[in-house]
């Protein structure tokens, strides 16, 4: 019998309830999700690993650059390659949308994100960020 593990990644917009629950566990609340809604070209990504939800991410496209952030892997699924599958799925989505570059935002305290992101070939920003709302 095959001991293979299958990872499934779904690219979905609007986020499912399970996705917002996973984000909430990682500290991504309604304020950040509201910012996600403002992007014109966007997707949310949900992975399944070991027949259970694995993690989520958000990707948006602007001027040929796909920006990935809010990458959150459930604690019991960490260290098993789930984040790499999230990044792969984001890359496939970005390529299908015509992106020529990818960038990833991670918090400075997210030490677990460094290996999967660093191996993805994406531009990495290990700094601080804030969101702005420009007047109409």
N, C-alpha and C. Protein backbone atom coordinates (compact mmCIF):
# COMPACT_ATOMS: atom_id res chain seq x y z
N UNK A 1 0.84 -1.18 0.00
CA UNK A 1 0.00 0.00 0.00
C UNK A 1 0.89 1.25 0.00
N UNK A 2 0.52 2.23 -0.77
CA UNK A 2 1.29 3.46 -0.90
C UNK A 2 1.22 4.29 0.38
N UNK A 3 2.37 4.75 0.84
CA UNK A 3 2.44 5.64 1.99
C UNK A 3 2.58 7.09 1.53
N UNK A 4 2.09 7.37 0.31
CA UNK A 4 2.21 8.70 -0.28
C UNK A 4 1.33 9.69 0.48
N UNK A 5 1.80 10.92 0.56
CA UNK A 5 1.01 11.99 1.14
C UNK A 5 0.65 12.95 0.02
N UNK A 6 -0.58 13.32 -0.02
CA UNK A 6 -1.05 14.20 -1.08
C UNK A 6 -1.34 15.57 -0.50
N UNK A 7 -0.75 16.58 -1.11
CA UNK A 7 -1.05 17.95 -0.74
C UNK A 7 -1.98 18.51 -1.80
N UNK A 8 -3.04 19.10 -1.36
CA UNK A 8 -3.97 19.74 -2.27
C UNK A 8 -3.97 21.22 -1.96
N UNK A 9 -3.92 22.05 -2.98
CA UNK A 9 -3.97 23.50 -2.79
C UNK A 9 -5.11 24.06 -3.62
N UNK A 10 -5.94 24.84 -2.97
CA UNK A 10 -7.08 25.47 -3.61
C UNK A 10 -6.85 26.97 -3.67
N UNK A 11 -7.05 27.56 -4.83
CA UNK A 11 -6.98 29.02 -4.99
C UNK A 11 -8.41 29.52 -5.03
N UNK A 12 -8.78 30.28 -4.01
CA UNK A 12 -10.19 30.64 -3.79
C UNK A 12 -10.30 32.12 -3.46
N UNK A 13 -11.27 32.78 -4.05
CA UNK A 13 -11.67 34.10 -3.54
C UNK A 13 -13.16 34.16 -3.60
N UNK A 14 -13.80 34.36 -2.62
CA UNK A 14 -13.74 34.83 -1.26
C UNK A 14 -13.16 33.74 -0.34
N UNK A 15 -12.44 34.16 0.72
CA UNK A 15 -11.91 33.17 1.65
C UNK A 15 -13.03 32.39 2.35
N UNK A 16 -12.79 31.10 2.53
CA UNK A 16 -13.73 30.26 3.27
C UNK A 16 -13.59 30.53 4.77
N UNK A 17 -14.59 30.13 5.53
CA UNK A 17 -14.56 30.33 6.98
C UNK A 17 -13.33 29.68 7.60
N UNK A 18 -12.96 28.48 7.16
CA UNK A 18 -11.79 27.81 7.73
C UNK A 18 -10.52 28.62 7.48
N UNK A 19 -10.48 29.34 6.37
CA UNK A 19 -9.30 30.16 6.06
C UNK A 19 -9.19 31.33 7.03
N UNK A 20 -10.30 32.01 7.29
CA UNK A 20 -10.26 33.13 8.23
C UNK A 20 -9.97 32.64 9.64
N UNK A 21 -10.40 31.42 9.98
CA UNK A 21 -10.09 30.85 11.30
C UNK A 21 -8.59 30.58 11.43
N UNK A 22 -7.99 30.04 10.38
CA UNK A 22 -6.54 29.78 10.40
C UNK A 22 -5.78 31.09 10.50
N UNK A 23 -6.19 32.07 9.70
CA UNK A 23 -5.52 33.38 9.79
C UNK A 23 -5.65 33.96 11.20
N UNK A 24 -6.83 33.85 11.79
CA UNK A 24 -7.03 34.39 13.14
C UNK A 24 -6.09 33.74 14.14
N UNK A 25 -5.85 32.43 14.01
CA UNK A 25 -4.91 31.74 14.91
C UNK A 25 -3.51 32.31 14.78
N UNK A 26 -3.18 32.82 13.61
CA UNK A 26 -1.86 33.40 13.37
C UNK A 26 -1.81 34.90 13.57
N UNK A 27 -2.91 35.49 14.03
CA UNK A 27 -2.92 36.93 14.30
C UNK A 27 -3.35 37.80 13.14
N UNK A 28 -3.85 37.19 12.07
CA UNK A 28 -4.36 37.96 10.93
C UNK A 28 -5.86 38.13 11.15
N UNK A 29 -6.24 39.34 11.52
CA UNK A 29 -7.63 39.60 11.86
C UNK A 29 -8.40 40.30 10.76
N UNK A 30 -9.59 40.75 11.09
CA UNK A 30 -10.47 41.39 10.10
C UNK A 30 -9.86 42.61 9.43
N UNK A 31 -9.01 43.35 10.14
CA UNK A 31 -8.41 44.55 9.54
C UNK A 31 -7.54 44.18 8.35
N UNK A 32 -6.70 43.15 8.51
CA UNK A 32 -5.84 42.74 7.39
C UNK A 32 -6.65 42.09 6.29
N UNK A 33 -7.67 41.35 6.64
CA UNK A 33 -8.51 40.72 5.62
C UNK A 33 -9.24 41.80 4.83
N UNK A 34 -9.65 42.89 5.48
CA UNK A 34 -10.28 44.01 4.76
C UNK A 34 -9.30 44.62 3.76
N UNK A 35 -8.01 44.70 4.12
CA UNK A 35 -7.00 45.21 3.19
C UNK A 35 -6.90 44.28 1.98
N UNK A 36 -6.96 42.96 2.21
CA UNK A 36 -6.90 42.00 1.11
C UNK A 36 -8.02 42.25 0.11
N UNK A 37 -9.20 42.56 0.60
CA UNK A 37 -10.36 42.78 -0.28
C UNK A 37 -10.13 43.93 -1.25
N UNK A 38 -9.26 44.88 -0.90
CA UNK A 38 -9.05 46.05 -1.75
C UNK A 38 -8.26 45.75 -3.02
N UNK A 39 -7.52 44.67 -3.04
CA UNK A 39 -6.72 44.35 -4.23
C UNK A 39 -7.64 43.98 -5.39
N UNK A 40 -7.28 44.41 -6.58
CA UNK A 40 -8.10 44.12 -7.76
C UNK A 40 -7.94 42.67 -8.22
N UNK A 41 -6.71 42.20 -8.30
CA UNK A 41 -6.42 40.84 -8.76
C UNK A 41 -5.84 40.09 -7.58
N UNK A 42 -6.58 39.12 -7.05
CA UNK A 42 -6.19 38.49 -5.80
C UNK A 42 -6.71 37.07 -5.71
N UNK A 43 -6.10 36.31 -4.81
CA UNK A 43 -6.60 34.99 -4.45
C UNK A 43 -6.16 34.67 -3.04
N UNK A 44 -6.88 33.76 -2.43
CA UNK A 44 -6.47 33.16 -1.17
C UNK A 44 -6.18 31.70 -1.48
N UNK A 45 -5.24 31.13 -0.75
CA UNK A 45 -4.83 29.75 -1.02
C UNK A 45 -5.01 28.93 0.25
N UNK A 46 -5.65 27.79 0.11
CA UNK A 46 -5.86 26.85 1.21
C UNK A 46 -5.20 25.54 0.84
N UNK A 47 -4.37 25.01 1.74
CA UNK A 47 -3.78 23.70 1.50
C UNK A 47 -4.37 22.68 2.46
N UNK A 48 -4.37 21.43 1.99
CA UNK A 48 -4.73 20.29 2.83
C UNK A 48 -3.52 19.36 2.87
N UNK A 49 -3.23 18.85 4.05
CA UNK A 49 -2.12 17.94 4.25
C UNK A 49 -2.55 16.91 5.28
N UNK A 50 -2.27 15.65 5.01
CA UNK A 50 -2.69 14.58 5.91
C UNK A 50 -4.21 14.58 6.12
N UNK A 51 -4.93 14.86 5.06
CA UNK A 51 -6.40 14.87 5.09
C UNK A 51 -7.00 15.90 6.04
N UNK A 52 -6.25 16.97 6.30
CA UNK A 52 -6.73 18.04 7.18
C UNK A 52 -6.25 19.37 6.61
N UNK A 53 -6.92 20.48 6.99
CA UNK A 53 -6.41 21.79 6.56
C UNK A 53 -4.96 21.95 7.00
N UNK A 54 -4.15 22.51 6.10
CA UNK A 54 -2.73 22.66 6.39
C UNK A 54 -2.33 24.10 6.64
N UNK A 55 -2.76 24.99 5.76
CA UNK A 55 -2.37 26.39 5.90
C UNK A 55 -3.05 27.24 4.86
N UNK A 56 -2.82 28.54 4.96
CA UNK A 56 -3.43 29.51 4.07
C UNK A 56 -2.40 30.59 3.69
N UNK A 57 -2.69 31.28 2.62
CA UNK A 57 -1.88 32.42 2.19
C UNK A 57 -2.76 33.34 1.35
N UNK A 58 -2.30 34.55 1.16
CA UNK A 58 -2.97 35.52 0.30
C UNK A 58 -1.97 35.97 -0.76
N UNK A 59 -2.45 36.12 -1.99
CA UNK A 59 -1.61 36.62 -3.07
C UNK A 59 -2.39 37.66 -3.87
N UNK A 60 -1.70 38.71 -4.26
CA UNK A 60 -2.31 39.75 -5.09
C UNK A 60 -1.31 40.15 -6.16
N UNK A 61 -1.82 40.66 -7.25
CA UNK A 61 -0.98 41.03 -8.39
C UNK A 61 -1.15 42.50 -8.72
N UNK A 62 -0.02 43.16 -8.97
CA UNK A 62 -0.03 44.55 -9.44
C UNK A 62 1.21 44.78 -10.29
N UNK A 63 1.01 45.30 -11.48
CA UNK A 63 2.11 45.63 -12.39
C UNK A 63 3.12 44.49 -12.55
N UNK A 64 2.62 43.28 -12.70
CA UNK A 64 3.48 42.14 -12.95
C UNK A 64 4.15 41.54 -11.74
N UNK A 65 3.89 42.09 -10.55
CA UNK A 65 4.48 41.57 -9.32
C UNK A 65 3.39 40.91 -8.48
N UNK A 66 3.62 39.68 -8.11
CA UNK A 66 2.72 38.97 -7.21
C UNK A 66 3.27 39.12 -5.80
N UNK A 67 2.46 39.69 -4.91
CA UNK A 67 2.84 39.86 -3.51
C UNK A 67 2.11 38.81 -2.69
N UNK A 68 2.86 38.02 -1.95
CA UNK A 68 2.29 36.98 -1.10
C UNK A 68 2.49 37.39 0.35
N UNK A 69 1.43 37.30 1.13
CA UNK A 69 1.56 37.55 2.57
C UNK A 69 0.47 36.80 3.30
N UNK A 70 0.42 36.98 4.60
CA UNK A 70 -0.53 36.27 5.46
C UNK A 70 -0.40 34.75 5.28
N UNK A 71 0.84 34.29 5.16
CA UNK A 71 1.11 32.85 5.06
C UNK A 71 1.04 32.29 6.48
N UNK A 72 0.14 31.38 6.69
CA UNK A 72 -0.03 30.80 8.02
C UNK A 72 -0.23 29.29 7.90
N UNK A 73 0.62 28.53 8.56
CA UNK A 73 0.52 27.08 8.59
C UNK A 73 0.10 26.67 9.99
N UNK A 74 -0.90 25.82 10.08
CA UNK A 74 -1.36 25.35 11.38
C UNK A 74 -0.22 24.66 12.13
N UNK A 75 -0.18 24.87 13.42
CA UNK A 75 0.95 24.40 14.22
C UNK A 75 1.23 22.91 14.04
N UNK A 76 0.20 22.09 14.03
CA UNK A 76 0.42 20.64 13.91
C UNK A 76 0.83 20.21 12.50
N UNK A 77 0.81 21.14 11.54
CA UNK A 77 1.20 20.83 10.17
C UNK A 77 2.57 21.42 9.81
N UNK A 78 3.18 22.13 10.74
CA UNK A 78 4.47 22.79 10.47
C UNK A 78 5.59 21.77 10.34
N UNK A 79 6.61 22.16 9.58
CA UNK A 79 7.78 21.32 9.41
C UNK A 79 7.58 20.16 8.45
N UNK A 80 6.50 20.20 7.67
CA UNK A 80 6.18 19.11 6.75
C UNK A 80 6.11 19.57 5.29
N UNK A 81 6.53 20.80 5.02
CA UNK A 81 6.55 21.29 3.65
C UNK A 81 5.28 22.01 3.19
N UNK A 82 4.35 22.25 4.11
CA UNK A 82 3.09 22.90 3.73
C UNK A 82 3.33 24.31 3.19
N UNK A 83 4.23 25.06 3.83
CA UNK A 83 4.51 26.43 3.36
C UNK A 83 5.10 26.42 1.95
N UNK A 84 5.92 25.42 1.65
CA UNK A 84 6.47 25.32 0.29
C UNK A 84 5.35 25.09 -0.71
N UNK A 85 4.36 24.28 -0.35
CA UNK A 85 3.23 24.06 -1.25
C UNK A 85 2.38 25.31 -1.41
N UNK A 86 2.24 26.08 -0.34
CA UNK A 86 1.54 27.36 -0.46
C UNK A 86 2.26 28.27 -1.44
N UNK A 87 3.59 28.34 -1.33
CA UNK A 87 4.37 29.18 -2.24
C UNK A 87 4.30 28.67 -3.67
N UNK A 88 4.34 27.37 -3.86
CA UNK A 88 4.21 26.82 -5.22
C UNK A 88 2.86 27.20 -5.82
N UNK A 89 1.81 27.03 -5.04
CA UNK A 89 0.48 27.36 -5.54
C UNK A 89 0.38 28.85 -5.88
N UNK A 90 0.96 29.69 -5.03
CA UNK A 90 0.97 31.13 -5.32
C UNK A 90 1.73 31.40 -6.61
N UNK A 91 2.82 30.69 -6.82
CA UNK A 91 3.61 30.86 -8.04
C UNK A 91 2.84 30.44 -9.29
N UNK A 92 2.15 29.32 -9.21
CA UNK A 92 1.33 28.88 -10.35
C UNK A 92 0.23 29.90 -10.66
N UNK A 93 -0.42 30.39 -9.59
CA UNK A 93 -1.48 31.39 -9.77
C UNK A 93 -0.89 32.65 -10.39
N UNK A 94 0.25 33.11 -9.85
CA UNK A 94 0.87 34.34 -10.35
C UNK A 94 1.24 34.21 -11.82
N UNK A 95 1.82 33.09 -12.19
CA UNK A 95 2.20 32.87 -13.59
C UNK A 95 0.97 32.90 -14.49
N UNK A 96 -0.10 32.28 -14.06
CA UNK A 96 -1.34 32.27 -14.86
C UNK A 96 -1.92 33.67 -15.01
N UNK A 97 -1.62 34.55 -14.05
CA UNK A 97 -2.12 35.93 -14.11
C UNK A 97 -1.17 36.85 -14.88
N UNK A 98 -0.03 36.33 -15.33
CA UNK A 98 0.92 37.13 -16.09
C UNK A 98 2.02 37.77 -15.26
N UNK A 99 2.17 37.36 -14.01
CA UNK A 99 3.22 37.93 -13.16
C UNK A 99 4.60 37.53 -13.68
N UNK A 100 5.54 38.43 -13.52
CA UNK A 100 6.93 38.14 -13.88
C UNK A 100 7.83 38.12 -12.65
N UNK A 101 7.30 38.55 -11.50
CA UNK A 101 8.06 38.58 -10.26
C UNK A 101 7.17 38.20 -9.09
N UNK A 102 7.80 37.68 -8.03
CA UNK A 102 7.08 37.40 -6.79
C UNK A 102 7.83 38.02 -5.63
N UNK A 103 7.07 38.47 -4.65
CA UNK A 103 7.64 38.98 -3.41
C UNK A 103 6.82 38.41 -2.27
N UNK A 104 7.46 38.27 -1.12
CA UNK A 104 6.79 37.70 0.05
C UNK A 104 7.05 38.61 1.23
N UNK A 105 5.99 38.89 1.99
CA UNK A 105 6.13 39.65 3.23
C UNK A 105 6.03 38.68 4.40
N UNK A 106 6.96 38.79 5.33
CA UNK A 106 6.93 37.99 6.56
C UNK A 106 7.29 38.91 7.72
N UNK A 107 6.75 38.58 8.88
CA UNK A 107 7.13 39.35 10.05
C UNK A 107 8.53 38.96 10.48
N UNK A 108 9.20 39.85 11.17
CA UNK A 108 10.57 39.59 11.63
C UNK A 108 10.62 38.42 12.61
N UNK A 109 9.54 38.19 13.33
CA UNK A 109 9.53 37.14 14.34
C UNK A 109 9.17 35.77 13.77
N UNK A 110 8.85 35.69 12.48
CA UNK A 110 8.43 34.43 11.88
C UNK A 110 9.64 33.66 11.36
N UNK A 111 10.39 33.09 12.30
CA UNK A 111 11.61 32.35 11.93
C UNK A 111 11.28 31.14 11.08
N UNK A 112 10.12 30.52 11.27
CA UNK A 112 9.74 29.34 10.50
C UNK A 112 9.53 29.63 9.04
N UNK A 113 9.26 30.87 8.69
CA UNK A 113 8.99 31.21 7.29
C UNK A 113 10.27 31.34 6.48
N UNK A 114 11.37 31.59 7.11
CA UNK A 114 12.60 31.88 6.37
C UNK A 114 13.05 30.74 5.46
N UNK A 115 13.13 29.49 5.92
CA UNK A 115 13.57 28.43 4.98
C UNK A 115 12.65 28.22 3.78
N UNK A 116 11.31 28.07 3.95
CA UNK A 116 10.49 27.85 2.76
C UNK A 116 10.49 29.03 1.79
N UNK A 117 10.48 30.23 2.35
CA UNK A 117 10.45 31.42 1.50
C UNK A 117 11.79 31.62 0.82
N UNK A 118 12.87 31.45 1.56
CA UNK A 118 14.20 31.64 0.98
C UNK A 118 14.43 30.67 -0.17
N UNK A 119 13.91 29.46 -0.08
CA UNK A 119 14.08 28.47 -1.13
C UNK A 119 13.16 28.65 -2.31
N UNK A 120 12.25 29.64 -2.23
CA UNK A 120 11.27 29.81 -3.29
C UNK A 120 11.77 30.68 -4.43
N UNK A 121 12.85 31.41 -4.21
CA UNK A 121 13.36 32.33 -5.23
C UNK A 121 12.65 33.67 -5.22
N UNK A 122 11.75 33.88 -4.26
CA UNK A 122 11.01 35.14 -4.17
C UNK A 122 11.86 36.20 -3.48
N UNK A 123 11.57 37.46 -3.78
CA UNK A 123 12.18 38.57 -3.05
C UNK A 123 11.61 38.54 -1.64
N UNK A 124 12.46 38.71 -0.65
CA UNK A 124 12.02 38.62 0.74
C UNK A 124 12.21 39.96 1.42
N UNK A 125 11.18 40.39 2.12
CA UNK A 125 11.25 41.64 2.87
C UNK A 125 11.12 41.28 4.33
N UNK A 126 12.21 41.40 5.08
CA UNK A 126 12.20 41.09 6.51
C UNK A 126 12.18 42.40 7.27
N UNK A 127 11.21 43.22 7.04
CA UNK A 127 11.14 44.51 7.71
C UNK A 127 9.80 44.72 8.37
N UNK A 128 9.42 45.96 8.46
CA UNK A 128 8.13 46.30 9.04
C UNK A 128 7.26 46.88 7.94
N UNK A 129 5.96 46.83 8.16
CA UNK A 129 5.06 47.37 7.16
C UNK A 129 3.84 47.99 7.84
N UNK A 130 3.17 48.81 7.10
CA UNK A 130 1.88 49.34 7.54
C UNK A 130 1.05 49.59 6.29
N UNK A 131 -0.24 49.75 6.49
CA UNK A 131 -1.16 49.90 5.36
C UNK A 131 -1.66 51.33 5.30
N UNK A 132 -1.84 51.82 4.10
CA UNK A 132 -2.36 53.18 3.90
C UNK A 132 -3.61 53.11 3.06
N UNK A 133 -4.51 54.01 3.35
CA UNK A 133 -5.71 54.17 2.53
C UNK A 133 -5.58 55.55 1.90
N UNK A 134 -5.41 55.59 0.58
CA UNK A 134 -5.31 56.86 -0.12
C UNK A 134 -6.69 57.44 -0.35
N UNK A 135 -6.83 58.74 -0.21
CA UNK A 135 -8.15 59.35 -0.47
C UNK A 135 -8.54 59.19 -1.93
N UNK A 136 -9.83 59.09 -2.18
CA UNK A 136 -10.32 58.94 -3.56
C UNK A 136 -10.13 60.18 -4.37
